[in-house]
Amino acid sequence: MHDRKKVLIIDDEIDLCLLLKGYFLRKNYEVYLSHTLTEGVSFMKTLQPDIVFLDNNLPDGLGWGMAPQLAAQYPSTYINLISAFHPVKPEMPANARFSVIEKPISLTDLDRQLSEVQPTIQS
């Protein structure tokens, strides 16, 4: 039996976190939530998730500013950069696995994103 894939959501918008959590639980993923950048980075170390949703504007920093370092440190993790605004996309490592998703996020967006990412997640 395969281990369940892990999703880490780093966002301070509680409603969005609950929407994403419900979606991924129905898809049989393990889901972890963090509402600060510091806590999210700590979770990255302990969980080593398969997929991350990383908001830009967090209470303790800019998530997108940390994205290149996270992509380099966790190359097998697929990072979804999310924001309601249009910040400048960070310079990611050449082998980084990432995408940009604009808020508001719909379930259709998630279905499309997951269908693209799921085949690339290591078993």
PDB file of N, CA and C in Angstrom:
ATOM      1  N   MET A   1       0.841  -1.188   0.000  1.00  0.00           N
ATOM      2  CA  MET A   1       0.000   0.000   0.000  1.00  0.00           C
ATOM      3  C   MET A   1       0.880   1.243   0.000  1.00  0.00           C
ATOM      4  N   HIS A   2       0.541   2.204  -0.843  1.00  0.00           N
ATOM      5  CA  HIS A   2       1.320   3.433  -0.936  1.00  0.00           C
ATOM      6  C   HIS A   2       0.972   4.370   0.209  1.00  0.00           C
ATOM      7  N   ASP A   3       1.966   5.106   0.652  1.00  0.00           N
ATOM      8  CA  ASP A   3       1.713   6.143   1.639  1.00  0.00           C
ATOM      9  C   ASP A   3       0.888   7.245   0.989  1.00  0.00           C
ATOM     10  N   ARG A   4       0.047   7.876   1.798  1.00  0.00           N
ATOM     11  CA  ARG A   4      -0.733   9.004   1.288  1.00  0.00           C
ATOM     12  C   ARG A   4       0.201  10.172   1.012  1.00  0.00           C
ATOM     13  N   LYS A   5      -0.068  10.890  -0.053  1.00  0.00           N
ATOM     14  CA  LYS A   5       0.717  12.069  -0.404  1.00  0.00           C
ATOM     15  C   LYS A   5       0.383  13.194   0.568  1.00  0.00           C
ATOM     16  N   LYS A   6       1.377  14.051   0.805  1.00  0.00           N
ATOM     17  CA  LYS A   6       1.226  15.137   1.772  1.00  0.00           C
ATOM     18  C   LYS A   6       1.127  16.481   1.065  1.00  0.00           C
ATOM     19  N   VAL A   7       0.178  17.285   1.531  1.00  0.00           N
ATOM     20  CA  VAL A   7      -0.001  18.649   1.041  1.00  0.00           C
ATOM     21  C   VAL A   7       0.171  19.590   2.224  1.00  0.00           C
ATOM     22  N   LEU A   8       0.994  20.610   2.043  1.00  0.00           N
ATOM     23  CA  LEU A   8       1.174  21.657   3.045  1.00  0.00           C
ATOM     24  C   LEU A   8       0.640  22.961   2.467  1.00  0.00           C
ATOM     25  N   ILE A   9      -0.264  23.596   3.202  1.00  0.00           N
ATOM     26  CA  ILE A   9      -0.851  24.864   2.785  1.00  0.00           C
ATOM     27  C   ILE A   9      -0.342  25.943   3.732  1.00  0.00           C
ATOM     28  N   ILE A  10       0.392  26.901   3.182  1.00  0.00           N
ATOM     29  CA  ILE A  10       0.944  28.003   3.975  1.00  0.00           C
ATOM     30  C   ILE A  10       0.226  29.274   3.541  1.00  0.00           C
ATOM     31  N   ASP A  11      -0.780  29.652   4.304  1.00  0.00           N
ATOM     32  CA  ASP A  11      -1.606  30.809   3.962  1.00  0.00           C
ATOM     33  C   ASP A  11      -2.297  31.296   5.228  1.00  0.00           C
ATOM     34  N   ASP A  12      -2.433  32.603   5.370  1.00  0.00           N
ATOM     35  CA  ASP A  12      -3.084  33.147   6.559  1.00  0.00           C
ATOM     36  C   ASP A  12      -4.585  33.347   6.369  1.00  0.00           C
ATOM     37  N   GLU A  13      -5.117  33.032   5.205  1.00  0.00           N
ATOM     38  CA  GLU A  13      -6.559  33.109   4.967  1.00  0.00           C
ATOM     39  C   GLU A  13      -7.194  31.785   5.385  1.00  0.00           C
ATOM     40  N   ILE A  14      -7.875  31.802   6.521  1.00  0.00           N
ATOM     41  CA  ILE A  14      -8.439  30.579   7.096  1.00  0.00           C
ATOM     42  C   ILE A  14      -9.434  29.927   6.142  1.00  0.00           C
ATOM     43  N   ASP A  15     -10.311  30.726   5.512  1.00  0.00           N
ATOM     44  CA  ASP A  15     -11.320  30.160   4.609  1.00  0.00           C
ATOM     45  C   ASP A  15     -10.679  29.413   3.446  1.00  0.00           C
ATOM     46  N   LEU A  16      -9.646  29.986   2.864  1.00  0.00           N
ATOM     47  CA  LEU A  16      -8.956  29.320   1.759  1.00  0.00           C
ATOM     48  C   LEU A  16      -8.294  28.032   2.244  1.00  0.00           C
ATOM     49  N   CYS A  17      -7.685  28.085   3.407  1.00  0.00           N
ATOM     50  CA  CYS A  17      -7.050  26.881   3.964  1.00  0.00           C
ATOM     51  C   CYS A  17      -8.073  25.764   4.137  1.00  0.00           C
ATOM     52  N   LEU A  18      -9.252  26.110   4.648  1.00  0.00           N
ATOM     53  CA  LEU A  18     -10.290  25.097   4.858  1.00  0.00           C
ATOM     54  C   LEU A  18     -10.816  24.553   3.534  1.00  0.00           C
ATOM     55  N   LEU A  19     -10.956  25.414   2.527  1.00  0.00           N
ATOM     56  CA  LEU A  19     -11.378  24.964   1.199  1.00  0.00           C
ATOM     57  C   LEU A  19     -10.364  23.976   0.625  1.00  0.00           C
ATOM     58  N   LEU A  20      -9.087  24.356   0.662  1.00  0.00           N
ATOM     59  CA  LEU A  20      -8.036  23.484   0.134  1.00  0.00           C
ATOM     60  C   LEU A  20      -7.938  22.194   0.937  1.00  0.00           C
ATOM     61  N   LYS A  21      -8.045  22.299   2.255  1.00  0.00           N
ATOM     62  CA  LYS A  21      -7.962  21.107   3.104  1.00  0.00           C
ATOM     63  C   LYS A  21      -9.074  20.123   2.756  1.00  0.00           C
ATOM     64  N   GLY A  22     -10.309  20.614   2.661  1.00  0.00           N
ATOM     65  CA  GLY A  22     -11.431  19.741   2.318  1.00  0.00           C
ATOM     66  C   GLY A  22     -11.243  19.085   0.962  1.00  0.00           C
ATOM     67  N   TYR A  23     -10.786  19.846  -0.006  1.00  0.00           N
ATOM     68  CA  TYR A  23     -10.560  19.324  -1.353  1.00  0.00           C
ATOM     69  C   TYR A  23      -9.549  18.179  -1.326  1.00  0.00           C
ATOM     70  N   PHE A  24      -8.402  18.403  -0.679  1.00  0.00           N
ATOM     71  CA  PHE A  24      -7.351  17.388  -0.689  1.00  0.00           C
ATOM     72  C   PHE A  24      -7.664  16.200   0.214  1.00  0.00           C
ATOM     73  N   LEU A  25      -8.419  16.406   1.286  1.00  0.00           N
ATOM     74  CA  LEU A  25      -8.844  15.263   2.103  1.00  0.00           C
ATOM     75  C   LEU A  25      -9.747  14.343   1.286  1.00  0.00           C
ATOM     76  N   ARG A  26     -10.643  14.929   0.477  1.00  0.00           N
ATOM     77  CA  ARG A  26     -11.513  14.113  -0.383  1.00  0.00           C
ATOM     78  C   ARG A  26     -10.712  13.347  -1.430  1.00  0.00           C
ATOM     79  N   LYS A  27      -9.535  13.854  -1.773  1.00  0.00           N
ATOM     80  CA  LYS A  27      -8.657  13.182  -2.740  1.00  0.00           C
ATOM     81  C   LYS A  27      -7.686  12.227  -2.037  1.00  0.00           C
ATOM     82  N   ASN A  28      -7.879  12.025  -0.735  1.00  0.00           N
ATOM     83  CA  ASN A  28      -7.091  11.091   0.082  1.00  0.00           C
ATOM     84  C   ASN A  28      -5.642  11.534   0.310  1.00  0.00           C
ATOM     85  N   TYR A  29      -5.421  12.834   0.413  1.00  0.00           N
ATOM     86  CA  TYR A  29      -4.109  13.369   0.773  1.00  0.00           C
ATOM     87  C   TYR A  29      -4.069  13.631   2.274  1.00  0.00           C
ATOM     88  N   GLU A  30      -2.880  13.587   2.852  1.00  0.00           N
ATOM     89  CA  GLU A  30      -2.675  14.115   4.197  1.00  0.00           C
ATOM     90  C   GLU A  30      -2.518  15.618   4.032  1.00  0.00           C
ATOM     91  N   VAL A  31      -3.203  16.399   4.855  1.00  0.00           N
ATOM     92  CA  VAL A  31      -3.187  17.850   4.694  1.00  0.00           C
ATOM     93  C   VAL A  31      -2.704  18.514   5.978  1.00  0.00           C
ATOM     94  N   TYR A  32      -1.794  19.447   5.819  1.00  0.00           N
ATOM     95  CA  TYR A  32      -1.241  20.202   6.944  1.00  0.00           C
ATOM     96  C   TYR A  32      -1.391  21.685   6.639  1.00  0.00           C
ATOM     97  N   LEU A  33      -1.730  22.455   7.667  1.00  0.00           N
ATOM     98  CA  LEU A  33      -1.949  23.887   7.516  1.00  0.00           C
ATOM     99  C   LEU A  33      -0.951  24.678   8.338  1.00  0.00           C
ATOM    100  N   SER A  34      -0.530  25.792   7.787  1.00  0.00           N
ATOM    101  CA  SER A  34       0.315  26.740   8.501  1.00  0.00           C
ATOM    102  C   SER A  34      -0.152  28.139   8.126  1.00  0.00           C
ATOM    103  N   HIS A  35      -0.194  29.027   9.107  1.00  0.00           N
ATOM    104  CA  HIS A  35      -0.675  30.376   8.838  1.00  0.00           C
ATOM    105  C   HIS A  35       0.434  31.418   8.892  1.00  0.00           C
ATOM    106  N   THR A  36       1.678  30.958   9.083  1.00  0.00           N
ATOM    107  CA  THR A  36       2.829  31.872   9.065  1.00  0.00           C
ATOM    108  C   THR A  36       3.952  31.247   8.248  1.00  0.00           C
ATOM    109  N   LEU A  37       4.826  32.080   7.754  1.00  0.00           N
ATOM    110  CA  LEU A  37       5.970  31.610   6.979  1.00  0.00           C
ATOM    111  C   LEU A  37       6.923  30.798   7.852  1.00  0.00           C
ATOM    112  N   THR A  38       7.183  31.277   9.051  1.00  0.00           N
ATOM    113  CA  THR A  38       8.105  30.586   9.956  1.00  0.00           C
ATOM    114  C   THR A  38       7.633  29.171  10.255  1.00  0.00           C
ATOM    115  N   GLU A  39       6.361  29.037  10.600  1.00  0.00           N
ATOM    116  CA  GLU A  39       5.808  27.718  10.894  1.00  0.00           C
ATOM    117  C   GLU A  39       5.807  26.843   9.638  1.00  0.00           C
ATOM    118  N   GLY A  40       5.479  27.442   8.490  1.00  0.00           N
ATOM    119  CA  GLY A  40       5.456  26.690   7.236  1.00  0.00           C
ATOM    120  C   GLY A  40       6.814  26.133   6.870  1.00  0.00           C
ATOM    121  N   VAL A  41       7.867  26.937   7.035  1.00  0.00           N
ATOM    122  CA  VAL A  41       9.230  26.475   6.747  1.00  0.00           C
ATOM    123  C   VAL A  41       9.600  25.341   7.701  1.00  0.00           C
ATOM    124  N   SER A  42       9.194  25.455   8.950  1.00  0.00           N
ATOM    125  CA  SER A  42       9.452  24.390   9.922  1.00  0.00           C
ATOM    126  C   SER A  42       8.735  23.102   9.510  1.00  0.00           C
ATOM    127  N   PHE A  43       7.478  23.226   9.065  1.00  0.00           N
ATOM    128  CA  PHE A  43       6.732  22.062   8.584  1.00  0.00           C
ATOM    129  C   PHE A  43       7.405  21.438   7.366  1.00  0.00           C
ATOM    130  N   MET A  44       7.956  22.263   6.488  1.00  0.00           N
ATOM    131  CA  MET A  44       8.657  21.730   5.313  1.00  0.00           C
ATOM    132  C   MET A  44       9.753  20.772   5.753  1.00  0.00           C
ATOM    133  N   LYS A  45      10.496  21.157   6.778  1.00  0.00           N
ATOM    134  CA  LYS A  45      11.605  20.328   7.257  1.00  0.00           C
ATOM    135  C   LYS A  45      11.113  19.000   7.810  1.00  0.00           C
ATOM    136  N   THR A  46      10.052  19.033   8.609  1.00  0.00           N
ATOM    137  CA  THR A  46       9.594  17.807   9.265  1.00  0.00           C
ATOM    138  C   THR A  46       8.715  16.944   8.370  1.00  0.00           C
ATOM    139  N   LEU A  47       7.905  17.559   7.522  1.00  0.00           N
ATOM    140  CA  LEU A  47       6.949  16.802   6.707  1.00  0.00           C
ATOM    141  C   LEU A  47       7.498  16.381   5.353  1.00  0.00           C
ATOM    142  N   GLN A  48       8.334  17.224   4.758  1.00  0.00           N
ATOM    143  CA  GLN A  48       8.788  17.041   3.382  1.00  0.00           C
ATOM    144  C   GLN A  48       7.597  16.694   2.480  1.00  0.00           C
ATOM    145  N   PRO A  49       6.671  17.656   2.334  1.00  0.00           N
ATOM    146  CA  PRO A  49       5.438  17.398   1.585  1.00  0.00           C
ATOM    147  C   PRO A  49       5.679  17.205   0.093  1.00  0.00           C
ATOM    148  N   ASP A  50       4.704  16.579  -0.541  1.00  0.00           N
ATOM    149  CA  ASP A  50       4.744  16.374  -1.987  1.00  0.00           C
ATOM    150  C   ASP A  50       4.326  17.640  -2.732  1.00  0.00           C
ATOM    151  N   ILE A  51       3.351  18.354  -2.157  1.00  0.00           N
ATOM    152  CA  ILE A  51       2.814  19.567  -2.765  1.00  0.00           C
ATOM    153  C   ILE A  51       2.724  20.649  -1.693  1.00  0.00           C
ATOM    154  N   VAL A  52       3.084  21.881  -2.068  1.00  0.00           N
ATOM    155  CA  VAL A  52       2.954  23.025  -1.169  1.00  0.00           C
ATOM    156  C   VAL A  52       2.175  24.125  -1.882  1.00  0.00           C
ATOM    157  N   PHE A  53       1.271  24.750  -1.148  1.00  0.00           N
ATOM    158  CA  PHE A  53       0.624  25.976  -1.591  1.00  0.00           C
ATOM    159  C   PHE A  53       1.200  27.079  -0.724  1.00  0.00           C
ATOM    160  N   LEU A  54       1.899  28.025  -1.334  1.00  0.00           N
ATOM    161  CA  LEU A  54       2.627  29.059  -0.604  1.00  0.00           C
ATOM    162  C   LEU A  54       2.109  30.444  -0.983  1.00  0.00           C
ATOM    163  N   ASP A  55       1.450  31.087  -0.027  1.00  0.00           N
ATOM    164  CA  ASP A  55       0.964  32.447  -0.233  1.00  0.00           C
ATOM    165  C   ASP A  55       2.138  33.415  -0.197  1.00  0.00           C
ATOM    166  N   ASN A  56       1.974  34.568  -0.815  1.00  0.00           N
ATOM    167  CA  ASN A  56       3.042  35.559  -0.797  1.00  0.00           C
ATOM    168  C   ASN A  56       2.986  36.420   0.460  1.00  0.00           C
ATOM    169  N   ASN A  57       1.847  37.064   0.702  1.00  0.00           N
ATOM    170  CA  ASN A  57       1.729  37.999   1.823  1.00  0.00           C
ATOM    171  C   ASN A  57       1.310  37.275   3.095  1.00  0.00           C
ATOM    172  N   LEU A  58       2.285  36.957   3.919  1.00  0.00           N
ATOM    173  CA  LEU A  58       2.042  36.277   5.188  1.00  0.00           C
ATOM    174  C   LEU A  58       2.365  37.232   6.333  1.00  0.00           C
ATOM    175  N   PRO A  59       1.822  36.989   7.530  1.00  0.00           N
ATOM    176  CA  PRO A  59       2.034  37.920   8.640  1.00  0.00           C
ATOM    177  C   PRO A  59       3.502  38.168   8.980  1.00  0.00           C
ATOM    178  N   ASP A  60       4.349  37.182   8.738  1.00  0.00           N
ATOM    179  CA  ASP A  60       5.759  37.315   9.143  1.00  0.00           C
ATOM    180  C   ASP A  60       6.736  37.338   7.968  1.00  0.00           C
ATOM    181  N   GLY A  61       6.237  37.594   6.769  1.00  0.00           N
ATOM    182  CA  GLY A  61       7.162  37.698   5.642  1.00  0.00           C
ATOM    183  C   GLY A  61       6.504  37.393   4.312  1.00  0.00           C
ATOM    184  N   LEU A  62       7.306  37.486   3.260  1.00  0.00           N
ATOM    185  CA  LEU A  62       6.839  37.211   1.906  1.00  0.00           C
ATOM    186  C   LEU A  62       7.180  35.777   1.524  1.00  0.00           C
ATOM    187  N   GLY A  63       6.150  34.969   1.364  1.00  0.00           N
ATOM    188  CA  GLY A  63       6.351  33.569   1.030  1.00  0.00           C
ATOM    189  C   GLY A  63       7.100  33.368  -0.269  1.00  0.00           C
ATOM    190  N   TRP A  64       6.801  34.205  -1.266  1.00  0.00           N
ATOM    191  CA  TRP A  64       7.457  34.046  -2.560  1.00  0.00           C
ATOM    192  C   TRP A  64       8.942  34.333  -2.459  1.00  0.00           C
ATOM    193  N   GLY A  65       9.335  35.158  -1.505  1.00  0.00           N
ATOM    194  CA  GLY A  65      10.755  35.432  -1.301  1.00  0.00           C
ATOM    195  C   GLY A  65      11.510  34.215  -0.802  1.00  0.00           C
ATOM    196  N   MET A  66      10.808  33.327  -0.116  1.00  0.00           N
ATOM    197  CA  MET A  66      11.409  32.100   0.411  1.00  0.00           C
ATOM    198  C   MET A  66      11.325  30.953  -0.603  1.00  0.00           C
ATOM    199  N   ALA A  67      10.498  31.103  -1.634  1.00  0.00           N
ATOM    200  CA  ALA A  67      10.247  30.017  -2.590  1.00  0.00           C
ATOM    201  C   ALA A  67      11.501  29.477  -3.271  1.00  0.00           C
ATOM    202  N   PRO A  68      12.424  30.318  -3.768  1.00  0.00           N
ATOM    203  CA  PRO A  68      13.614  29.756  -4.418  1.00  0.00           C
ATOM    204  C   PRO A  68      14.440  28.873  -3.479  1.00  0.00           C
ATOM    205  N   GLN A  69      14.581  29.295  -2.231  1.00  0.00           N
ATOM    206  CA  GLN A  69      15.333  28.502  -1.257  1.00  0.00           C
ATOM    207  C   GLN A  69      14.626  27.180  -0.971  1.00  0.00           C
ATOM    208  N   LEU A  70      13.310  27.215  -0.822  1.00  0.00           N
ATOM    209  CA  LEU A  70      12.557  25.984  -0.567  1.00  0.00           C
ATOM    210  C   LEU A  70      12.641  25.041  -1.766  1.00  0.00           C
ATOM    211  N   ALA A  71      12.548  25.593  -2.972  1.00  0.00           N
ATOM    212  CA  ALA A  71      12.637  24.763  -4.181  1.00  0.00           C
ATOM    213  C   ALA A  71      14.003  24.099  -4.290  1.00  0.00           C
ATOM    214  N   ALA A  72      15.055  24.822  -3.922  1.00  0.00           N
ATOM    215  CA  ALA A  72      16.406  24.251  -3.973  1.00  0.00           C
ATOM    216  C   ALA A  72      16.597  23.193  -2.894  1.00  0.00           C
ATOM    217  N   GLN A  73      16.032  23.440  -1.719  1.00  0.00           N
ATOM    218  CA  GLN A  73      16.210  22.521  -0.590  1.00  0.00           C
ATOM    219  C   GLN A  73      15.326  21.278  -0.710  1.00  0.00           C
ATOM    220  N   TYR A  74      14.161  21.416  -1.351  1.00  0.00           N
ATOM    221  CA  TYR A  74      13.212  20.303  -1.490  1.00  0.00           C
ATOM    222  C   TYR A  74      12.841  20.141  -2.967  1.00  0.00           C
ATOM    223  N   PRO A  75      13.764  19.657  -3.786  1.00  0.00           N
ATOM    224  CA  PRO A  75      13.532  19.624  -5.239  1.00  0.00           C
ATOM    225  C   PRO A  75      12.393  18.707  -5.683  1.00  0.00           C
ATOM    226  N   SER A  76      12.009  17.736  -4.877  1.00  0.00           N
ATOM    227  CA  SER A  76      10.918  16.848  -5.287  1.00  0.00           C
ATOM    228  C   SER A  76       9.544  17.405  -4.917  1.00  0.00           C
ATOM    229  N   THR A  77       9.505  18.479  -4.139  1.00  0.00           N
ATOM    230  CA  THR A  77       8.239  19.096  -3.746  1.00  0.00           C
ATOM    231  C   THR A  77       7.750  20.028  -4.848  1.00  0.00           C
ATOM    232  N   TYR A  78       6.473  19.907  -5.201  1.00  0.00           N
ATOM    233  CA  TYR A  78       5.868  20.803  -6.182  1.00  0.00           C
ATOM    234  C   TYR A  78       5.305  21.999  -5.427  1.00  0.00           C
ATOM    235  N   ILE A  79       5.750  23.203  -5.776  1.00  0.00           N
ATOM    236  CA  ILE A  79       5.361  24.415  -5.063  1.00  0.00           C
ATOM    237  C   ILE A  79       4.396  25.235  -5.912  1.00  0.00           C
ATOM    238  N   ASN A  80       3.218  25.488  -5.352  1.00  0.00           N
ATOM    239  CA  ASN A  80       2.233  26.362  -5.979  1.00  0.00           C
ATOM    240  C   ASN A  80       2.317  27.718  -5.295  1.00  0.00           C
ATOM    241  N   LEU A  81       2.762  28.717  -6.021  1.00  0.00           N
ATOM    242  CA  LEU A  81       2.831  30.076  -5.495  1.00  0.00           C
ATOM    243  C   LEU A  81       1.461  30.710  -5.687  1.00  0.00           C
ATOM    244  N   ILE A  82       0.840  31.151  -4.591  1.00  0.00           N
ATOM    245  CA  ILE A  82      -0.506  31.708  -4.692  1.00  0.00           C
ATOM    246  C   ILE A  82      -0.526  33.150  -4.192  1.00  0.00           C
ATOM    247  N   SER A  83      -1.359  33.968  -4.833  1.00  0.00           N
ATOM    248  CA  SER A  83      -1.491  35.361  -4.421  1.00  0.00           C
ATOM    249  C   SER A  83      -2.712  35.976  -5.090  1.00  0.00           C
ATOM    250  N   ALA A  84      -3.346  36.903  -4.385  1.00  0.00           N
ATOM    251  CA  ALA A  84      -4.452  37.661  -4.964  1.00  0.00           C
ATOM    252  C   ALA A  84      -3.923  38.825  -5.790  1.00  0.00           C
ATOM    253  N   PHE A  85      -2.676  39.155  -5.579  1.00  0.00           N
ATOM    254  CA  PHE A  85      -2.046  40.266  -6.284  1.00  0.00           C
ATOM    255  C   PHE A  85      -1.147  39.695  -7.373  1.00  0.00           C
ATOM    256  N   HIS A  86      -0.459  40.530  -8.068  1.00  0.00           N
ATOM    257  CA  HIS A  86       0.420  40.075  -9.138  1.00  0.00           C
ATOM    258  C   HIS A  86       1.857  40.455  -8.820  1.00  0.00           C
ATOM    259  N   PRO A  87       2.433  39.833  -7.796  1.00  0.00           N
ATOM    260  CA  PRO A  87       3.827  40.156  -7.481  1.00  0.00           C
ATOM    261  C   PRO A  87       4.756  39.630  -8.574  1.00  0.00           C
ATOM    262  N   VAL A  88       5.949  40.153  -8.577  1.00  0.00           N
ATOM    263  CA  VAL A  88       6.956  39.680  -9.519  1.00  0.00           C
ATOM    264  C   VAL A  88       7.292  38.235  -9.164  1.00  0.00           C
ATOM    265  N   LYS A  89       7.259  37.379 -10.173  1.00  0.00           N
ATOM    266  CA  LYS A  89       7.569  35.967  -9.953  1.00  0.00           C
ATOM    267  C   LYS A  89       9.030  35.842  -9.533  1.00  0.00           C
ATOM    268  N   PRO A  90       9.301  35.073  -8.468  1.00  0.00           N
ATOM    269  CA  PRO A  90      10.689  34.950  -8.005  1.00  0.00           C
ATOM    270  C   PRO A  90      11.550  34.171  -8.994  1.00  0.00           C
ATOM    271  N   GLU A  91      12.838  34.413  -8.942  1.00  0.00           N
ATOM    272  CA  GLU A  91      13.806  33.656  -9.748  1.00  0.00           C
ATOM    273  C   GLU A  91      13.969  32.283  -9.103  1.00  0.00           C
ATOM    274  N   MET A  92      13.397  31.284  -9.723  1.00  0.00           N
ATOM    275  CA  MET A  92      13.430  29.932  -9.170  1.00  0.00           C
ATOM    276  C   MET A  92      14.598  29.160  -9.777  1.00  0.00           C
ATOM    277  N   PRO A  93      15.103  28.152  -9.042  1.00  0.00           N
ATOM    278  CA  PRO A  93      16.163  27.309  -9.603  1.00  0.00           C
ATOM    279  C   PRO A  93      15.688  26.662 -10.910  1.00  0.00           C
ATOM    280  N   ALA A  94      16.619  26.364 -11.784  1.00  0.00           N
ATOM    281  CA  ALA A  94      16.287  25.819 -13.105  1.00  0.00           C
ATOM    282  C   ALA A  94      15.452  24.543 -13.026  1.00  0.00           C
ATOM    283  N   ASN A  95      15.699  23.713 -12.027  1.00  0.00           N
ATOM    284  CA  ASN A  95      14.985  22.435 -11.914  1.00  0.00           C
ATOM    285  C   ASN A  95      13.760  22.524 -11.008  1.00  0.00           C
ATOM    286  N   ALA A  96      13.370  23.730 -10.603  1.00  0.00           N
ATOM    287  CA  ALA A  96      12.251  23.896  -9.673  1.00  0.00           C
ATOM    288  C   ALA A  96      10.948  23.422 -10.297  1.00  0.00           C
ATOM    289  N   ARG A  97      10.155  22.784  -9.472  1.00  0.00           N
ATOM    290  CA  ARG A  97       8.828  22.322  -9.872  1.00  0.00           C
ATOM    291  C   ARG A  97       7.826  23.268  -9.210  1.00  0.00           C
ATOM    292  N   PHE A  98       7.269  24.193 -10.001  1.00  0.00           N
ATOM    293  CA  PHE A  98       6.371  25.174  -9.405  1.00  0.00           C
ATOM    294  C   PHE A  98       5.395  25.720 -10.434  1.00  0.00           C
ATOM    295  N   SER A  99       4.375  26.372  -9.926  1.00  0.00           N
ATOM    296  CA  SER A  99       3.431  27.098 -10.767  1.00  0.00           C
ATOM    297  C   SER A  99       2.911  28.284  -9.968  1.00  0.00           C
ATOM    298  N   VAL A 100       2.250  29.194 -10.654  1.00  0.00           N
ATOM    299  CA  VAL A 100       1.635  30.353 -10.021  1.00  0.00           C
ATOM    300  C   VAL A 100       0.125  30.219 -10.187  1.00  0.00           C
ATOM    301  N   ILE A 101      -0.592  30.357  -9.079  1.00  0.00           N
ATOM    302  CA  ILE A 101      -2.051  30.286  -9.097  1.00  0.00           C
ATOM    303  C   ILE A 101      -2.585  31.578  -8.488  1.00  0.00           C
ATOM    304  N   GLU A 102      -3.477  32.243  -9.218  1.00  0.00           N
ATOM    305  CA  GLU A 102      -4.063  33.487  -8.721  1.00  0.00           C
ATOM    306  C   GLU A 102      -5.293  33.198  -7.870  1.00  0.00           C
ATOM    307  N   LYS A 103      -5.419  33.961  -6.783  1.00  0.00           N
ATOM    308  CA  LYS A 103      -6.633  33.899  -5.974  1.00  0.00           C
ATOM    309  C   LYS A 103      -7.677  34.788  -6.640  1.00  0.00           C
ATOM    310  N   PRO A 104      -8.947  34.500  -6.536  1.00  0.00           N
ATOM    311  CA  PRO A 104      -9.496  33.371  -5.794  1.00  0.00           C
ATOM    312  C   PRO A 104      -9.279  32.060  -6.545  1.00  0.00           C
ATOM    313  N   ILE A 105      -9.087  31.005  -5.793  1.00  0.00           N
ATOM    314  CA  ILE A 105      -8.830  29.677  -6.353  1.00  0.00           C
ATOM    315  C   ILE A 105     -10.148  28.916  -6.406  1.00  0.00           C
ATOM    316  N   SER A 106     -10.457  28.363  -7.562  1.00  0.00           N
ATOM    317  CA  SER A 106     -11.682  27.575  -7.713  1.00  0.00           C
ATOM    318  C   SER A 106     -11.343  26.087  -7.682  1.00  0.00           C
ATOM    319  N   LEU A 107     -12.358  25.274  -7.452  1.00  0.00           N
ATOM    320  CA  LEU A 107     -12.147  23.825  -7.475  1.00  0.00           C
ATOM    321  C   LEU A 107     -11.745  23.365  -8.873  1.00  0.00           C
ATOM    322  N   THR A 108     -12.227  24.046  -9.901  1.00  0.00           N
ATOM    323  CA  THR A 108     -11.820  23.730 -11.271  1.00  0.00           C
ATOM    324  C   THR A 108     -10.326  23.971 -11.445  1.00  0.00           C
ATOM    325  N   ASP A 109      -9.828  25.091 -10.877  1.00  0.00           N
ATOM    326  CA  ASP A 109      -8.385  25.370 -10.919  1.00  0.00           C
ATOM    327  C   ASP A 109      -7.614  24.244 -10.242  1.00  0.00           C
ATOM    328  N   LEU A 110      -8.110  23.801  -9.093  1.00  0.00           N
ATOM    329  CA  LEU A 110      -7.420  22.742  -8.347  1.00  0.00           C
ATOM    330  C   LEU A 110      -7.424  21.432  -9.120  1.00  0.00           C
ATOM    331  N   ASP A 111      -8.563  21.091  -9.722  1.00  0.00           N
ATOM    332  CA  ASP A 111      -8.633  19.858 -10.518  1.00  0.00           C
ATOM    333  C   ASP A 111      -7.621  19.887 -11.658  1.00  0.00           C
ATOM    334  N   ARG A 112      -7.564  21.008 -12.360  1.00  0.00           N
ATOM    335  CA  ARG A 112      -6.634  21.142 -13.486  1.00  0.00           C
ATOM    336  C   ARG A 112      -5.189  21.054 -12.990  1.00  0.00           C
ATOM    337  N   GLN A 113      -4.890  21.766 -11.920  1.00  0.00           N
ATOM    338  CA  GLN A 113      -3.534  21.769 -11.375  1.00  0.00           C
ATOM    339  C   GLN A 113      -3.129  20.373 -10.909  1.00  0.00           C
ATOM    340  N   LEU A 114      -4.019  19.703 -10.207  1.00  0.00           N
ATOM    341  CA  LEU A 114      -3.704  18.374  -9.691  1.00  0.00           C
ATOM    342  C   LEU A 114      -3.505  17.373 -10.824  1.00  0.00           C
ATOM    343  N   SER A 115      -4.289  17.490 -11.895  1.00  0.00           N
ATOM    344  CA  SER A 115      -4.119  16.560 -13.018  1.00  0.00           C
ATOM    345  C   SER A 115      -2.764  16.744 -13.693  1.00  0.00           C
ATOM    346  N   GLU A 116      -2.220  17.965 -13.642  1.00  0.00           N
ATOM    347  CA  GLU A 116      -0.897  18.216 -14.220  1.00  0.00           C
ATOM    348  C   GLU A 116       0.225  17.771 -13.289  1.00  0.00           C
ATOM    349  N   VAL A 117       0.024  17.942 -11.994  1.00  0.00           N
ATOM    350  CA  VAL A 117       1.080  17.686 -11.013  1.00  0.00           C
ATOM    351  C   VAL A 117       1.135  16.228 -10.580  1.00  0.00           C
ATOM    352  N   GLN A 118      -0.019  15.604 -10.426  1.00  0.00           N
ATOM    353  CA  GLN A 118      -0.081  14.263  -9.847  1.00  0.00           C
ATOM    354  C   GLN A 118       0.830  13.242 -10.530  1.00  0.00           C
ATOM    355  N   PRO A 119       0.903  13.205 -11.858  1.00  0.00           N
ATOM    356  CA  PRO A 119       1.794  12.219 -12.483  1.00  0.00           C
ATOM    357  C   PRO A 119       3.275  12.443 -12.168  1.00  0.00           C
ATOM    358  N   THR A 120       3.633  13.652 -11.757  1.00  0.00           N
ATOM    359  CA  THR A 120       5.044  13.948 -11.504  1.00  0.00           C
ATOM    360  C   THR A 120       5.455  13.718 -10.058  1.00  0.00           C
ATOM    361  N   ILE A 121       4.472  13.448  -9.180  1.00  0.00           N
ATOM    362  CA  ILE A 121       4.789  13.222  -7.768  1.00  0.00           C
ATOM    363  C   ILE A 121       5.345  11.818  -7.618  1.00  0.00           C
ATOM    364  N   GLN A 122       6.476  11.729  -6.954  1.00  0.00           N
ATOM    365  CA  GLN A 122       7.137  10.436  -6.795  1.00  0.00           C
ATOM    366  C   GLN A 122       6.336   9.536  -5.872  1.00  0.00           C
ATOM    367  N   SER A 123       6.282   8.261  -6.213  1.00  0.00           N
ATOM    368  CA  SER A 123       5.574   7.286  -5.372  1.00  0.00           C
ATOM    369  C   SER A 123       6.454   6.801  -4.261  1.00  0.00           C
TER     370      SER A 123
END
